Amino acid sequence: MISGTIVKILSITFLIAVGVVLILGIGTLFKGGETSKKYSNKLMQLRVLLQFIAIIILVCFAYFFKN
């Protein structure tokens, strides 16, 4: 089923994106200084948004493909 494949690819993509943004955010916090002030909050906000989207996609995956 093509839609199932698309949902699986989207799920994996967003989960990887959340992980990458989380690692970048933590790295920015540890780096400190001006970079931390400029980017750490924005990266954490982006992580929360990506987590929300990933959860919605995973819930849709579970709902539509509960065979």
PDB file of N, CA and C in Angstrom:
ATOM      1  N   MET A   1       0.848  -1.176   0.000  1.00  0.00           N
ATOM      2  CA  MET A   1       0.000   0.000   0.000  1.00  0.00           C
ATOM      3  C   MET A   1       0.894   1.240   0.000  1.00  0.00           C
ATOM      4  N   ILE A   2       0.694   2.125  -0.965  1.00  0.00           N
ATOM      5  CA  ILE A   2       1.579   3.290  -1.126  1.00  0.00           C
ATOM      6  C   ILE A   2       1.409   4.299   0.006  1.00  0.00           C
ATOM      7  N   SER A   3       0.211   4.494   0.505  1.00  0.00           N
ATOM      8  CA  SER A   3       0.021   5.468   1.580  1.00  0.00           C
ATOM      9  C   SER A   3       0.693   5.009   2.869  1.00  0.00           C
ATOM     10  N   GLY A   4       0.721   3.703   3.097  1.00  0.00           N
ATOM     11  CA  GLY A   4       1.407   3.175   4.266  1.00  0.00           C
ATOM     12  C   GLY A   4       2.901   3.426   4.199  1.00  0.00           C
ATOM     13  N   THR A   5       3.458   3.310   3.019  1.00  0.00           N
ATOM     14  CA  THR A   5       4.879   3.575   2.829  1.00  0.00           C
ATOM     15  C   THR A   5       5.189   5.038   3.067  1.00  0.00           C
ATOM     16  N   ILE A   6       4.321   5.909   2.585  1.00  0.00           N
ATOM     17  CA  ILE A   6       4.526   7.352   2.772  1.00  0.00           C
ATOM     18  C   ILE A   6       4.490   7.704   4.254  1.00  0.00           C
ATOM     19  N   VAL A   7       3.545   7.140   4.981  1.00  0.00           N
ATOM     20  CA  VAL A   7       3.432   7.423   6.417  1.00  0.00           C
ATOM     21  C   VAL A   7       4.653   6.899   7.161  1.00  0.00           C
ATOM     22  N   LYS A   8       5.150   5.728   6.774  1.00  0.00           N
ATOM     23  CA  LYS A   8       6.341   5.172   7.418  1.00  0.00           C
ATOM     24  C   LYS A   8       7.554   6.061   7.160  1.00  0.00           C
ATOM     25  N   ILE A   9       7.706   6.517   5.923  1.00  0.00           N
ATOM     26  CA  ILE A   9       8.835   7.384   5.582  1.00  0.00           C
ATOM     27  C   ILE A   9       8.734   8.710   6.326  1.00  0.00           C
ATOM     28  N   LEU A  10       7.529   9.296   6.392  1.00  0.00           N
ATOM     29  CA  LEU A  10       7.339  10.539   7.136  1.00  0.00           C
ATOM     30  C   LEU A  10       7.647  10.349   8.618  1.00  0.00           C
ATOM     31  N   SER A  11       7.197   9.241   9.177  1.00  0.00           N
ATOM     32  CA  SER A  11       7.445   8.975  10.599  1.00  0.00           C
ATOM     33  C   SER A  11       8.936   8.899  10.890  1.00  0.00           C
ATOM     34  N   ILE A  12       9.644   8.127  10.106  1.00  0.00           N
ATOM     35  CA  ILE A  12      11.078   7.976  10.318  1.00  0.00           C
ATOM     36  C   ILE A  12      11.804   9.295  10.102  1.00  0.00           C
ATOM     37  N   THR A  13      11.398  10.038   9.075  1.00  0.00           N
ATOM     38  CA  THR A  13      12.027  11.325   8.782  1.00  0.00           C
ATOM     39  C   THR A  13      11.863  12.299   9.938  1.00  0.00           C
ATOM     40  N   PHE A  14      10.651  12.402  10.466  1.00  0.00           N
ATOM     41  CA  PHE A  14      10.428  13.341  11.559  1.00  0.00           C
ATOM     42  C   PHE A  14      11.100  12.888  12.846  1.00  0.00           C
ATOM     43  N   LEU A  15      11.165  11.597  13.099  1.00  0.00           N
ATOM     44  CA  LEU A  15      11.859  11.124  14.291  1.00  0.00           C
ATOM     45  C   LEU A  15      13.359  11.407  14.206  1.00  0.00           C
ATOM     46  N   ILE A  16      13.930  11.224  13.031  1.00  0.00           N
ATOM     47  CA  ILE A  16      15.345  11.559  12.848  1.00  0.00           C
ATOM     48  C   ILE A  16      15.559  13.061  12.992  1.00  0.00           C
ATOM     49  N   ALA A  17      14.641  13.859  12.427  1.00  0.00           N
ATOM     50  CA  ALA A  17      14.758  15.319  12.530  1.00  0.00           C
ATOM     51  C   ALA A  17      14.705  15.770  13.984  1.00  0.00           C
ATOM     52  N   VAL A  18      13.826  15.166  14.784  1.00  0.00           N
ATOM     53  CA  VAL A  18      13.743  15.501  16.207  1.00  0.00           C
ATOM     54  C   VAL A  18      15.071  15.189  16.893  1.00  0.00           C
ATOM     55  N   GLY A  19      15.642  14.037  16.595  1.00  0.00           N
ATOM     56  CA  GLY A  19      16.918  13.656  17.193  1.00  0.00           C
ATOM     57  C   GLY A  19      18.041  14.612  16.819  1.00  0.00           C
ATOM     58  N   VAL A  20      18.089  15.002  15.547  1.00  0.00           N
ATOM     59  CA  VAL A  20      19.136  15.921  15.088  1.00  0.00           C
ATOM     60  C   VAL A  20      18.997  17.277  15.764  1.00  0.00           C
ATOM     61  N   VAL A  21      17.775  17.803  15.816  1.00  0.00           N
ATOM     62  CA  VAL A  21      17.565  19.111  16.437  1.00  0.00           C
ATOM     63  C   VAL A  21      17.854  19.044  17.929  1.00  0.00           C
ATOM     64  N   LEU A  22      17.512  17.935  18.574  1.00  0.00           N
ATOM     65  CA  LEU A  22      17.811  17.774  19.996  1.00  0.00           C
ATOM     66  C   LEU A  22      19.318  17.791  20.239  1.00  0.00           C
ATOM     67  N   ILE A  23      20.061  17.062  19.427  1.00  0.00           N
ATOM     68  CA  ILE A  23      21.518  17.034  19.585  1.00  0.00           C
ATOM     69  C   ILE A  23      22.119  18.410  19.318  1.00  0.00           C
ATOM     70  N   LEU A  24      21.642  19.095  18.284  1.00  0.00           N
ATOM     71  CA  LEU A  24      22.135  20.447  18.000  1.00  0.00           C
ATOM     72  C   LEU A  24      21.823  21.410  19.147  1.00  0.00           C
ATOM     73  N   GLY A  25      20.620  21.308  19.711  1.00  0.00           N
ATOM     74  CA  GLY A  25      20.237  22.177  20.819  1.00  0.00           C
ATOM     75  C   GLY A  25      21.073  21.947  22.058  1.00  0.00           C
ATOM     76  N   ILE A  26      21.307  20.682  22.389  1.00  0.00           N
ATOM     77  CA  ILE A  26      22.126  20.369  23.558  1.00  0.00           C
ATOM     78  C   ILE A  26      23.566  20.822  23.331  1.00  0.00           C
ATOM     79  N   GLY A  27      24.065  20.602  22.119  1.00  0.00           N
ATOM     80  CA  GLY A  27      25.416  21.054  21.795  1.00  0.00           C
ATOM     81  C   GLY A  27      25.554  22.558  21.902  1.00  0.00           C
ATOM     82  N   THR A  28      24.538  23.277  21.470  1.00  0.00           N
ATOM     83  CA  THR A  28      24.552  24.736  21.560  1.00  0.00           C
ATOM     84  C   THR A  28      24.529  25.195  23.011  1.00  0.00           C
ATOM     85  N   LEU A  29      23.754  24.492  23.849  1.00  0.00           N
ATOM     86  CA  LEU A  29      23.720  24.843  25.272  1.00  0.00           C
ATOM     87  C   LEU A  29      25.081  24.636  25.927  1.00  0.00           C
ATOM     88  N   PHE A  30      25.753  23.549  25.593  1.00  0.00           N
ATOM     89  CA  PHE A  30      27.070  23.282  26.183  1.00  0.00           C
ATOM     90  C   PHE A  30      28.142  24.226  25.650  1.00  0.00           C
ATOM     91  N   LYS A  31      27.970  24.684  24.412  1.00  0.00           N
ATOM     92  CA  LYS A  31      28.958  25.589  23.840  1.00  0.00           C
ATOM     93  C   LYS A  31      28.956  26.927  24.584  1.00  0.00           C
ATOM     94  N   GLY A  32      27.750  27.402  24.918  1.00  0.00           N
ATOM     95  CA  GLY A  32      27.626  28.639  25.682  1.00  0.00           C
ATOM     96  C   GLY A  32      27.947  29.872  24.865  1.00  0.00           C
ATOM     97  N   GLY A  33      28.032  30.988  25.534  1.00  0.00           N
ATOM     98  CA  GLY A  33      28.393  32.243  24.886  1.00  0.00           C
ATOM     99  C   GLY A  33      27.277  32.828  24.040  1.00  0.00           C
ATOM    100  N   GLU A  34      27.664  33.582  23.051  1.00  0.00           N
ATOM    101  CA  GLU A  34      26.707  34.279  22.185  1.00  0.00           C
ATOM    102  C   GLU A  34      25.896  33.303  21.339  1.00  0.00           C
ATOM    103  N   THR A  35      26.520  32.231  20.915  1.00  0.00           N
ATOM    104  CA  THR A  35      25.810  31.227  20.115  1.00  0.00           C
ATOM    105  C   THR A  35      24.666  30.621  20.899  1.00  0.00           C
ATOM    106  N   SER A  36      24.914  30.327  22.155  1.00  0.00           N
ATOM    107  CA  SER A  36      23.883  29.749  23.004  1.00  0.00           C
ATOM    108  C   SER A  36      22.720  30.716  23.180  1.00  0.00           C
ATOM    109  N   LYS A  37      23.026  31.977  23.407  1.00  0.00           N
ATOM    110  CA  LYS A  37      21.976  32.973  23.589  1.00  0.00           C
ATOM    111  C   LYS A  37      21.138  33.132  22.327  1.00  0.00           C
ATOM    112  N   LYS A  38      21.793  33.020  21.186  1.00  0.00           N
ATOM    113  CA  LYS A  38      21.114  33.280  19.919  1.00  0.00           C
ATOM    114  C   LYS A  38      20.274  32.088  19.436  1.00  0.00           C
ATOM    115  N   TYR A  39      20.776  30.860  19.608  1.00  0.00           N
ATOM    116  CA  TYR A  39      20.142  29.721  18.951  1.00  0.00           C
ATOM    117  C   TYR A  39      19.515  28.670  19.849  1.00  0.00           C
ATOM    118  N   SER A  40      19.900  28.565  21.103  1.00  0.00           N
ATOM    119  CA  SER A  40      19.445  27.434  21.916  1.00  0.00           C
ATOM    120  C   SER A  40      17.929  27.432  22.110  1.00  0.00           C
ATOM    121  N   ASN A  41      17.335  28.568  22.392  1.00  0.00           N
ATOM    122  CA  ASN A  41      15.889  28.612  22.593  1.00  0.00           C
ATOM    123  C   ASN A  41      15.145  28.317  21.296  1.00  0.00           C
ATOM    124  N   LYS A  42      15.631  28.837  20.184  1.00  0.00           N
ATOM    125  CA  LYS A  42      14.983  28.585  18.895  1.00  0.00           C
ATOM    126  C   LYS A  42      15.060  27.108  18.520  1.00  0.00           C
ATOM    127  N   LEU A  43      16.199  26.483  18.791  1.00  0.00           N
ATOM    128  CA  LEU A  43      16.337  25.057  18.489  1.00  0.00           C
ATOM    129  C   LEU A  43      15.411  24.212  19.359  1.00  0.00           C
ATOM    130  N   MET A  44      15.266  24.562  20.605  1.00  0.00           N
ATOM    131  CA  MET A  44      14.378  23.802  21.473  1.00  0.00           C
ATOM    132  C   MET A  44      12.914  24.005  21.086  1.00  0.00           C
ATOM    133  N   GLN A  45      12.551  25.194  20.642  1.00  0.00           N
ATOM    134  CA  GLN A  45      11.198  25.421  20.143  1.00  0.00           C
ATOM    135  C   GLN A  45      10.940  24.607  18.879  1.00  0.00           C
ATOM    136  N   LEU A  46      11.933  24.545  17.998  1.00  0.00           N
ATOM    137  CA  LEU A  46      11.817  23.740  16.788  1.00  0.00           C
ATOM    138  C   LEU A  46      11.688  22.264  17.140  1.00  0.00           C
ATOM    139  N   ARG A  47      12.421  21.812  18.151  1.00  0.00           N
ATOM    140  CA  ARG A  47      12.322  20.415  18.591  1.00  0.00           C
ATOM    141  C   ARG A  47      10.924  20.083  19.074  1.00  0.00           C
ATOM    142  N   VAL A  48      10.323  20.981  19.850  1.00  0.00           N
ATOM    143  CA  VAL A  48       8.968  20.747  20.351  1.00  0.00           C
ATOM    144  C   VAL A  48       7.978  20.679  19.189  1.00  0.00           C
ATOM    145  N   LEU A  49       8.120  21.560  18.214  1.00  0.00           N
ATOM    146  CA  LEU A  49       7.243  21.546  17.044  1.00  0.00           C
ATOM    147  C   LEU A  49       7.412  20.243  16.260  1.00  0.00           C
ATOM    148  N   LEU A  50       8.639  19.818  16.037  1.00  0.00           N
ATOM    149  CA  LEU A  50       8.877  18.579  15.312  1.00  0.00           C
ATOM    150  C   LEU A  50       8.357  17.366  16.079  1.00  0.00           C
ATOM    151  N   GLN A  51       8.480  17.392  17.401  1.00  0.00           N
ATOM    152  CA  GLN A  51       7.935  16.300  18.207  1.00  0.00           C
ATOM    153  C   GLN A  51       6.422  16.242  18.072  1.00  0.00           C
ATOM    154  N   PHE A  52       5.769  17.382  18.067  1.00  0.00           N
ATOM    155  CA  PHE A  52       4.314  17.429  17.913  1.00  0.00           C
ATOM    156  C   PHE A  52       3.907  16.826  16.572  1.00  0.00           C
ATOM    157  N   ILE A  53       4.590  17.230  15.508  1.00  0.00           N
ATOM    158  CA  ILE A  53       4.270  16.708  14.181  1.00  0.00           C
ATOM    159  C   ILE A  53       4.535  15.207  14.122  1.00  0.00           C
ATOM    160  N   ALA A  54       5.640  14.762  14.691  1.00  0.00           N
ATOM    161  CA  ALA A  54       5.966  13.336  14.688  1.00  0.00           C
ATOM    162  C   ALA A  54       4.919  12.527  15.455  1.00  0.00           C
ATOM    163  N   ILE A  55       4.451  13.042  16.571  1.00  0.00           N
ATOM    164  CA  ILE A  55       3.425  12.338  17.345  1.00  0.00           C
ATOM    165  C   ILE A  55       2.130  12.252  16.568  1.00  0.00           C
ATOM    166  N   ILE A  56       1.736  13.329  15.905  1.00  0.00           N
ATOM    167  CA  ILE A  56       0.514  13.321  15.087  1.00  0.00           C
ATOM    168  C   ILE A  56       0.638  12.276  13.977  1.00  0.00           C
ATOM    169  N   ILE A  57       1.778  12.226  13.308  1.00  0.00           N
ATOM    170  CA  ILE A  57       1.984  11.251  12.234  1.00  0.00           C
ATOM    171  C   ILE A  57       1.937   9.829  12.780  1.00  0.00           C
ATOM    172  N   LEU A  58       2.564   9.593  13.931  1.00  0.00           N
ATOM    173  CA  LEU A  58       2.552   8.246  14.512  1.00  0.00           C
ATOM    174  C   LEU A  58       1.155   7.832  14.970  1.00  0.00           C
ATOM    175  N   VAL A  59       0.380   8.767  15.493  1.00  0.00           N
ATOM    176  CA  VAL A  59      -0.997   8.459  15.893  1.00  0.00           C
ATOM    177  C   VAL A  59      -1.835   8.141  14.654  1.00  0.00           C
ATOM    178  N   CYS A  60      -1.651   8.907  13.583  1.00  0.00           N
ATOM    179  CA  CYS A  60      -2.369   8.619  12.328  1.00  0.00           C
ATOM    180  C   CYS A  60      -1.961   7.250  11.790  1.00  0.00           C
ATOM    181  N   PHE A  61      -0.670   6.943  11.866  1.00  0.00           N
ATOM    182  CA  PHE A  61      -0.182   5.634  11.431  1.00  0.00           C
ATOM    183  C   PHE A  61      -0.861   4.530  12.237  1.00  0.00           C
ATOM    184  N   ALA A  62      -0.918   4.687  13.539  1.00  0.00           N
ATOM    185  CA  ALA A  62      -1.532   3.660  14.394  1.00  0.00           C
ATOM    186  C   ALA A  62      -3.029   3.554  14.132  1.00  0.00           C
ATOM    187  N   TYR A  63      -3.690   4.672  13.869  1.00  0.00           N
ATOM    188  CA  TYR A  63      -5.142   4.660  13.663  1.00  0.00           C
ATOM    189  C   TYR A  63      -5.510   4.025  12.324  1.00  0.00           C
ATOM    190  N   PHE A  64      -4.830   4.414  11.268  1.00  0.00           N
ATOM    191  CA  PHE A  64      -5.211   3.948   9.938  1.00  0.00           C
ATOM    192  C   PHE A  64      -4.697   2.554   9.598  1.00  0.00           C
ATOM    193  N   PHE A  65      -3.667   2.095  10.298  1.00  0.00           N
ATOM    194  CA  PHE A  65      -3.084   0.790   9.974  1.00  0.00           C
ATOM    195  C   PHE A  65      -3.092  -0.130  11.186  1.00  0.00           C
ATOM    196  N   LYS A  66      -4.225  -0.248  11.842  1.00  0.00           N
ATOM    197  CA  LYS A  66      -4.332  -1.082  13.045  1.00  0.00           C
ATOM    198  C   LYS A  66      -4.774  -2.512  12.720  1.00  0.00           C
ATOM    199  N   ASN A  67      -4.297  -3.058  11.642  1.00  0.00           N
ATOM    200  CA  ASN A  67      -4.675  -4.425  11.231  1.00  0.00           C
ATOM    201  C   ASN A  67      -4.095  -5.446  12.175  1.00  0.00           C
TER     202      ASN A  67
END
